[in-house]
Protein backbone atom coordinates (compact mmCIF):
# COMPACT_ATOMS: atom_id res chain seq x y z
CA UNK A 1 0.00 0.00 0.00
CA UNK A 2 2.98 2.29 0.44
CA UNK A 3 3.05 4.92 -2.31
CA UNK A 4 -0.37 3.90 -3.66
CA UNK A 5 -3.22 6.41 -3.86
CA UNK A 6 -6.63 5.47 -2.52
CA UNK A 7 -9.92 7.12 -3.42
CA UNK A 8 -12.37 6.72 -0.54
CA UNK A 9 -16.01 7.67 -0.91
CA UNK A 10 -18.12 8.42 2.14
CA UNK A 11 -15.02 9.03 4.24
CA UNK A 12 -16.81 11.42 6.58
CA UNK A 13 -19.28 8.69 7.50
CA UNK A 14 -19.03 6.03 10.17
CA UNK A 15 -16.94 3.23 8.65
CA UNK A 16 -15.23 5.55 6.18
CA UNK A 17 -13.84 7.89 8.84
CA UNK A 18 -12.62 4.93 10.88
CA UNK A 19 -10.92 3.56 7.77
CA UNK A 20 -9.09 6.84 7.14
CA UNK A 21 -7.93 6.82 10.76
CA UNK A 22 -6.83 3.18 10.37
CA UNK A 23 -4.75 3.99 7.28
CA UNK A 24 -2.94 6.83 9.02
CA UNK A 25 -2.27 4.60 12.02
CA UNK A 26 -0.85 1.78 9.89
CA UNK A 27 0.93 3.52 7.02
CA UNK A 28 3.34 6.45 6.76
CA UNK A 29 1.74 9.37 4.93
CA UNK A 30 -0.95 7.46 3.01
CA UNK A 31 -2.12 9.13 -0.20
CA UNK A 32 -5.86 9.59 0.12
CA UNK A 33 -8.48 11.39 -1.96
CA UNK A 34 -11.99 11.65 -0.54
CA UNK A 35 -15.39 12.24 -2.11
CA UNK A 36 -18.19 12.88 0.36
CA UNK A 37 -21.58 14.49 -0.10
CA UNK A 38 -21.72 15.41 3.60
CA UNK A 39 -25.27 14.22 4.17
CA UNK A 40 -26.93 14.16 7.59
CA UNK A 41 -24.99 11.00 8.58
CA UNK A 42 -21.59 12.47 7.68
CA UNK A 43 -19.45 14.79 9.75
CA UNK A 44 -16.35 16.35 8.22
CA UNK A 45 -14.98 17.07 11.70
CA UNK A 46 -14.32 13.33 12.05
CA UNK A 47 -11.48 13.94 9.58
CA UNK A 48 -10.15 17.15 11.14
CA UNK A 49 -6.87 15.53 12.14
CA UNK A 50 -6.21 14.48 8.54
CA UNK A 51 -7.66 17.26 6.38
CA UNK A 52 -4.24 18.83 5.81
CA UNK A 53 -2.93 15.48 4.57
CA UNK A 54 -5.77 14.35 2.30
CA UNK A 55 -7.58 15.73 -0.73
CA UNK A 56 -11.24 16.35 0.09
CA UNK A 57 -13.86 16.71 -2.64
CA UNK A 58 -17.32 17.61 -1.41
CA UNK A 59 -19.79 16.14 -3.84
CA UNK A 60 -22.22 13.41 -4.85
CA UNK A 61 -20.81 10.17 -6.27
CA UNK A 62 -23.84 10.07 -8.57
CA UNK A 63 -22.51 13.22 -10.25
CA UNK A 64 -20.22 12.25 -13.13
CA UNK A 65 -18.33 15.55 -13.02
CA UNK A 66 -17.38 15.12 -9.37
CA UNK A 67 -16.15 11.61 -9.98
CA UNK A 68 -14.33 12.47 -13.21
CA UNK A 69 -12.56 15.32 -11.42
CA UNK A 70 -11.37 12.99 -8.67
CA UNK A 71 -9.88 10.57 -11.20
CA UNK A 72 -8.49 13.10 -13.67
CA UNK A 73 -6.71 15.17 -11.03
CA UNK A 74 -5.25 12.22 -9.14
CA UNK A 75 -3.40 9.03 -9.97
CA UNK A 76 -5.81 6.62 -8.30
CA UNK A 77 -4.65 3.03 -7.67
CA UNK A 78 -7.43 1.79 -5.37
CA UNK A 79 -11.06 2.73 -4.73
CA UNK A 80 -13.10 1.91 -1.62
CA UNK A 81 -16.75 2.81 -2.05
CA UNK A 82 -18.27 3.33 1.40
CA UNK A 83 -20.69 6.06 0.29
CA UNK A 84 -24.25 4.89 0.88
CA UNK A 85 -27.55 5.54 2.53
CA UNK A 86 -27.66 2.80 5.14
CA UNK A 87 -30.54 3.16 7.61
CA UNK A 88 -33.23 0.54 6.98
CA UNK A 89 -36.01 2.52 8.67
CA UNK A 90 -35.33 5.53 6.44
CA UNK A 91 -35.37 3.32 3.35
CA UNK A 92 -38.82 2.05 4.32
CA UNK A 93 -40.09 5.62 4.71
CA UNK A 94 -38.52 6.82 1.46
CA UNK A 95 -36.39 4.62 -0.75
CA UNK A 96 -35.51 7.08 -3.52
CA UNK A 97 -32.33 8.51 -1.88
CA UNK A 98 -31.10 4.94 -1.48
CA UNK A 99 -31.46 4.25 -5.18
CA UNK A 100 -29.55 7.41 -6.04
CA UNK A 101 -26.63 6.90 -3.67
CA UNK A 102 -26.40 3.13 -3.50
CA UNK A 103 -27.25 2.20 -7.09
CA UNK A 104 -26.65 5.24 -9.30
CA UNK A 105 -23.65 6.27 -7.22
CA UNK A 106 -22.03 2.85 -7.39
CA UNK A 107 -22.67 2.70 -11.15
CA UNK A 108 -21.13 6.13 -11.71
CA UNK A 109 -18.05 5.26 -9.67
CA UNK A 110 -17.46 2.04 -11.57
CA UNK A 111 -18.27 3.56 -14.97
CA UNK A 112 -15.63 6.26 -14.51
CA UNK A 113 -13.12 4.00 -12.78
CA UNK A 114 -13.17 1.46 -15.63
CA UNK A 115 -11.56 4.11 -17.87
CA UNK A 116 -8.58 4.35 -15.54
CA UNK A 117 -5.90 1.84 -14.75
CA UNK A 118 -6.93 1.08 -11.18
CA UNK A 119 -5.72 -2.03 -9.39
CA UNK A 120 -8.79 -2.76 -7.26
CA UNK A 121 -12.24 -1.37 -6.56
CA UNK A 122 -13.78 -2.44 -3.24
CA UNK A 123 -17.56 -2.24 -3.28
CA UNK A 124 -18.81 -2.18 0.32
CA UNK A 125 -21.98 -4.22 0.49
CA UNK A 126 -23.77 -5.79 3.47
CA UNK A 127 -24.79 -9.18 4.83
CA UNK A 128 -28.39 -7.99 4.50
CA UNK A 129 -28.39 -8.71 0.76
CA UNK A 130 -28.80 -12.42 1.52
CA UNK A 131 -31.94 -11.90 3.56
CA UNK A 132 -32.81 -13.84 6.70
CA UNK A 133 -32.25 -17.47 7.61
CA UNK A 134 -33.26 -19.41 10.71
CA UNK A 135 -30.09 -21.48 10.96
CA UNK A 136 -26.75 -21.95 9.23
CA UNK A 137 -24.75 -19.29 7.39
CA UNK A 138 -24.77 -17.78 3.94
CA UNK A 139 -21.79 -18.31 1.66
CA UNK A 140 -20.65 -15.88 -0.98
CA UNK A 141 -22.24 -17.80 -3.85
CA UNK A 142 -25.69 -18.07 -2.30
CA UNK A 143 -28.68 -16.36 -3.87
CA UNK A 144 -29.55 -12.85 -2.80
CA UNK A 145 -32.94 -12.25 -1.22
CA UNK A 146 -33.07 -8.65 0.12
CA UNK A 147 -36.17 -7.61 2.01
CA UNK A 148 -35.86 -3.83 2.49
CA UNK A 149 -35.31 -1.01 0.00
CA UNK A 150 -31.89 -0.53 1.62
CA UNK A 151 -30.72 -4.11 1.18
CA UNK A 152 -32.29 -4.25 -2.29
CA UNK A 153 -30.30 -1.18 -3.33
CA UNK A 154 -27.08 -2.77 -2.06
CA UNK A 155 -27.89 -6.04 -3.84
CA UNK A 156 -28.46 -4.02 -7.04
CA UNK A 157 -25.02 -2.46 -6.69
CA UNK A 158 -23.53 -5.93 -6.22
CA UNK A 159 -25.17 -7.06 -9.46
CA UNK A 160 -23.80 -4.02 -11.25
CA UNK A 161 -20.34 -4.79 -9.87
CA UNK A 162 -20.59 -8.33 -11.19
CA UNK A 163 -21.67 -7.04 -14.60
CA UNK A 164 -18.63 -4.73 -14.74
CA UNK A 165 -16.39 -7.66 -13.83
CA UNK A 166 -17.84 -9.86 -16.59
CA UNK A 167 -18.24 -7.22 -19.29
CA UNK A 168 -15.21 -5.01 -18.68
CA UNK A 169 -12.89 -7.34 -16.74
CA UNK A 170 -13.18 -4.71 -14.00
CA UNK A 171 -11.07 -5.49 -10.89
CA UNK A 172 -13.90 -5.24 -8.38
CA UNK A 173 -14.14 -6.98 -5.02
CA UNK A 174 -17.46 -7.08 -3.16
CA UNK A 175 -17.13 -6.98 0.63
CA UNK A 176 -20.15 -7.99 2.70
CA UNK A 177 -19.60 -7.13 6.38
CA UNK A 178 -22.03 -7.88 9.18
CA UNK A 179 -23.45 -5.28 11.62
CA UNK A 180 -20.72 -2.76 12.39
CA UNK A 181 -20.46 -0.81 15.63
CA UNK A 182 -17.89 1.52 17.11
CA UNK A 183 -16.94 5.21 17.53
CA UNK A 184 -18.47 7.86 15.23
CA UNK A 185 -21.62 5.89 14.43
CA UNK A 186 -24.70 8.01 13.78
CA UNK A 187 -27.12 8.01 16.73
CA UNK A 188 -29.96 6.62 14.61
CA UNK A 189 -28.28 3.21 14.85
CA UNK A 190 -29.19 0.82 17.66
CA UNK A 191 -26.07 0.86 19.84
CA UNK A 192 -25.31 4.62 19.94
CA UNK A 193 -29.03 5.40 20.11
CA UNK A 194 -29.60 3.12 23.09
CA UNK A 195 -26.45 4.29 24.87
CA UNK A 196 -27.55 7.92 24.69
CA UNK A 197 -31.15 7.15 25.63
CA UNK A 198 -30.09 4.95 28.52
CA UNK A 199 -27.72 7.59 29.88
CA UNK A 200 -30.58 10.09 29.72
CA UNK A 201 -32.89 7.54 31.40
CA UNK A 202 -35.24 7.47 28.43
CA UNK A 203 -37.09 4.34 27.32
CA UNK A 204 -35.33 2.01 24.88
CA UNK A 205 -37.73 1.11 22.05
CA UNK A 206 -37.08 -2.53 21.12
CA UNK A 207 -38.76 -3.82 17.97
CA UNK A 208 -41.09 -6.80 18.39
CA UNK A 209 -39.93 -9.27 21.03
CA UNK A 210 -36.25 -8.34 20.64
CA UNK A 211 -35.18 -11.79 19.46
CA UNK A 212 -33.84 -10.64 16.07
CA UNK A 213 -30.24 -11.81 15.75
CA UNK A 214 -27.29 -9.88 14.33
CA UNK A 215 -23.57 -10.62 14.09
CA UNK A 216 -21.76 -7.66 15.67
CA UNK A 217 -18.45 -6.64 14.11
CA UNK A 218 -16.27 -3.90 15.61
CA UNK A 219 -15.52 -1.24 13.01
CA UNK A 220 -11.71 -1.40 13.24
CA UNK A 221 -11.89 -5.13 12.53
CA UNK A 222 -13.82 -4.23 9.38
CA UNK A 223 -11.09 -1.72 8.48
CA UNK A 224 -8.42 -4.40 8.84
CA UNK A 225 -10.47 -6.71 6.62
CA UNK A 226 -10.76 -4.10 3.88
CA UNK A 227 -7.03 -3.41 4.09
CA UNK A 228 -6.41 -7.14 3.67
CA UNK A 229 -8.68 -7.21 0.63
CA UNK A 230 -6.80 -4.31 -0.92
CA UNK A 231 -3.49 -6.09 -0.39
CA UNK A 232 -4.40 -9.76 -0.75
CA UNK A 233 -7.97 -10.08 -2.02
CA UNK A 234 -8.57 -11.53 -5.46
CA UNK A 235 -10.21 -9.21 -7.97
CA UNK A 236 -13.59 -10.44 -9.10
CA UNK A 237 -14.35 -12.21 -5.83
CA UNK A 238 -16.88 -11.68 -3.04
CA UNK A 239 -15.86 -11.83 0.62
CA UNK A 240 -18.14 -12.12 3.64
CA UNK A 241 -16.79 -10.38 6.75
CA UNK A 242 -18.29 -11.77 9.94
CA UNK A 243 -17.28 -11.84 13.60
CA UNK A 244 -19.36 -14.84 14.73
CA UNK A 245 -20.60 -12.71 17.61
CA UNK A 246 -24.31 -13.36 17.35
CA UNK A 247 -26.55 -11.42 19.72
CA UNK A 248 -30.27 -10.96 19.97
CA UNK A 249 -31.28 -7.30 20.02
CA UNK A 250 -32.64 -7.76 23.53
CA UNK A 251 -29.24 -9.08 24.67
CA UNK A 252 -27.51 -5.99 23.30
CA UNK A 253 -30.14 -3.78 24.95
CA UNK A 254 -29.69 -5.42 28.35
CA UNK A 255 -25.90 -5.19 28.11
CA UNK A 256 -26.13 -1.45 27.43
CA UNK A 257 -28.49 -1.07 30.39
CA UNK A 258 -26.02 -2.95 32.60
CA UNK A 259 -23.04 -0.86 31.51
CA UNK A 260 -24.94 2.41 31.99
CA UNK A 261 -26.21 1.29 35.40
CA UNK A 262 -29.89 1.52 34.55
CA UNK A 263 -32.94 -0.64 35.25
CA UNK A 264 -34.46 -2.97 32.67
CA UNK A 265 -37.70 -1.11 33.34
CA UNK A 266 -36.67 1.32 30.61
CA UNK A 267 -37.10 -1.39 27.94
CA UNK A 268 -40.13 -0.57 25.81
CA UNK A 269 -41.23 -3.26 23.35
CA UNK A 270 -42.75 -1.53 20.32
CA UNK A 271 -44.47 -2.60 17.11
CA UNK A 272 -42.07 -4.54 14.92
CA UNK A 273 -40.47 -2.95 11.87
CA UNK A 274 -42.01 -3.82 8.51
CA UNK A 275 -40.25 -6.74 6.87
CA UNK A 276 -37.92 -7.14 9.85
CA UNK A 277 -35.39 -9.90 9.08
CA UNK A 278 -35.08 -12.36 11.95
CA UNK A 279 -31.46 -13.46 11.63
CA UNK A 280 -28.40 -12.59 9.57
CA UNK A 281 -25.45 -14.96 9.42
CA UNK A 282 -22.57 -15.26 6.96
CA UNK A 283 -19.72 -17.72 6.56
CA UNK A 284 -16.47 -15.71 6.56
CA UNK A 285 -14.10 -18.64 5.95
CA UNK A 286 -12.94 -17.14 2.66
CA UNK A 287 -11.50 -13.94 4.12
CA UNK A 288 -10.19 -15.79 7.17
CA UNK A 289 -8.14 -17.89 4.75
CA UNK A 290 -6.36 -14.65 3.81
CA UNK A 291 -5.21 -14.38 7.44
CA UNK A 292 -7.90 -12.04 8.76
CA UNK A 293 -9.89 -12.60 11.92
CA UNK A 294 -11.63 -10.20 14.30
CA UNK A 295 -9.64 -9.03 17.30
CA UNK A 296 -12.21 -7.07 19.30
CA UNK A 297 -14.82 -9.04 21.24
CA UNK A 298 -18.29 -7.58 21.52
CA UNK A 299 -18.14 -6.59 25.21
CA UNK A 300 -14.74 -4.98 24.75
CA UNK A 301 -15.96 -3.04 21.72
CA UNK A 302 -19.10 -1.92 23.51
CA UNK A 303 -17.05 -0.57 26.40
CA UNK A 304 -14.94 1.40 23.90
CA UNK A 305 -18.08 2.91 22.41
CA UNK A 306 -19.30 3.87 25.90
CA UNK A 307 -16.00 5.60 26.61
CA UNK A 308 -16.41 7.51 23.35
CA UNK A 309 -19.84 8.71 24.51
CA UNK A 310 -18.56 10.06 27.85
């Protein structure tokens, strides 16, 4: 990675900002260009420490001119496309912004990038594209069965990525991480939302009976996985990124209550979300064969997030 230039979209968002921080921690003077629209979920101040060392382009990845400028003015070797609308509830209320960012944006990025001699393009997807399953784990070649406008938009981008691979021999890698958590996550997401509400002694609204299961992956472990894919991943492949740390939502809720020294009386079971998937689970053997494995256990990661909220 030394001497290579990386174009990172959505770098002022949750995972993107953590990835920029990771690169500066691991490499000497990494060459980074950023495109970020600075939507409600982004915060440029997350990058304050690095703004003098990176090139920041404020703009929409669906806008060809923004993307063409980024490529024409820089010698890009790698692309990591984090930019996306990602909140399922918002996608249910209004899916159009998800189509623009997650589908049109991904298409625009790949369409411009294919005209340049890049080494790898990492398309950040999600385990949600597989849909729900009661037992077992999804492998990379399994059929996609998304159930929300959000996951459908990400599945659409995956299909576009595959078409670019087949048609243009485009060096794309699709990364499908499980539920990320960690510092800088927007407070609409479950863990930061419940931490803040619990600290303020507000009720914690748990969907349905709280038995929905997610695999919780600490964000810096995701960053290490993406770095491994940039260095060792095979172009044209798909890689699941999972921690095997399965928790029911009610378990996560009770752990937050315990760590914030509150009573379980603040749990408020509310009407379930429309189309709420019961369980996500992916087989991450493929990326583990590259030498990656998660380092941060769930409880340890949750304590780090709590410290960040103090």
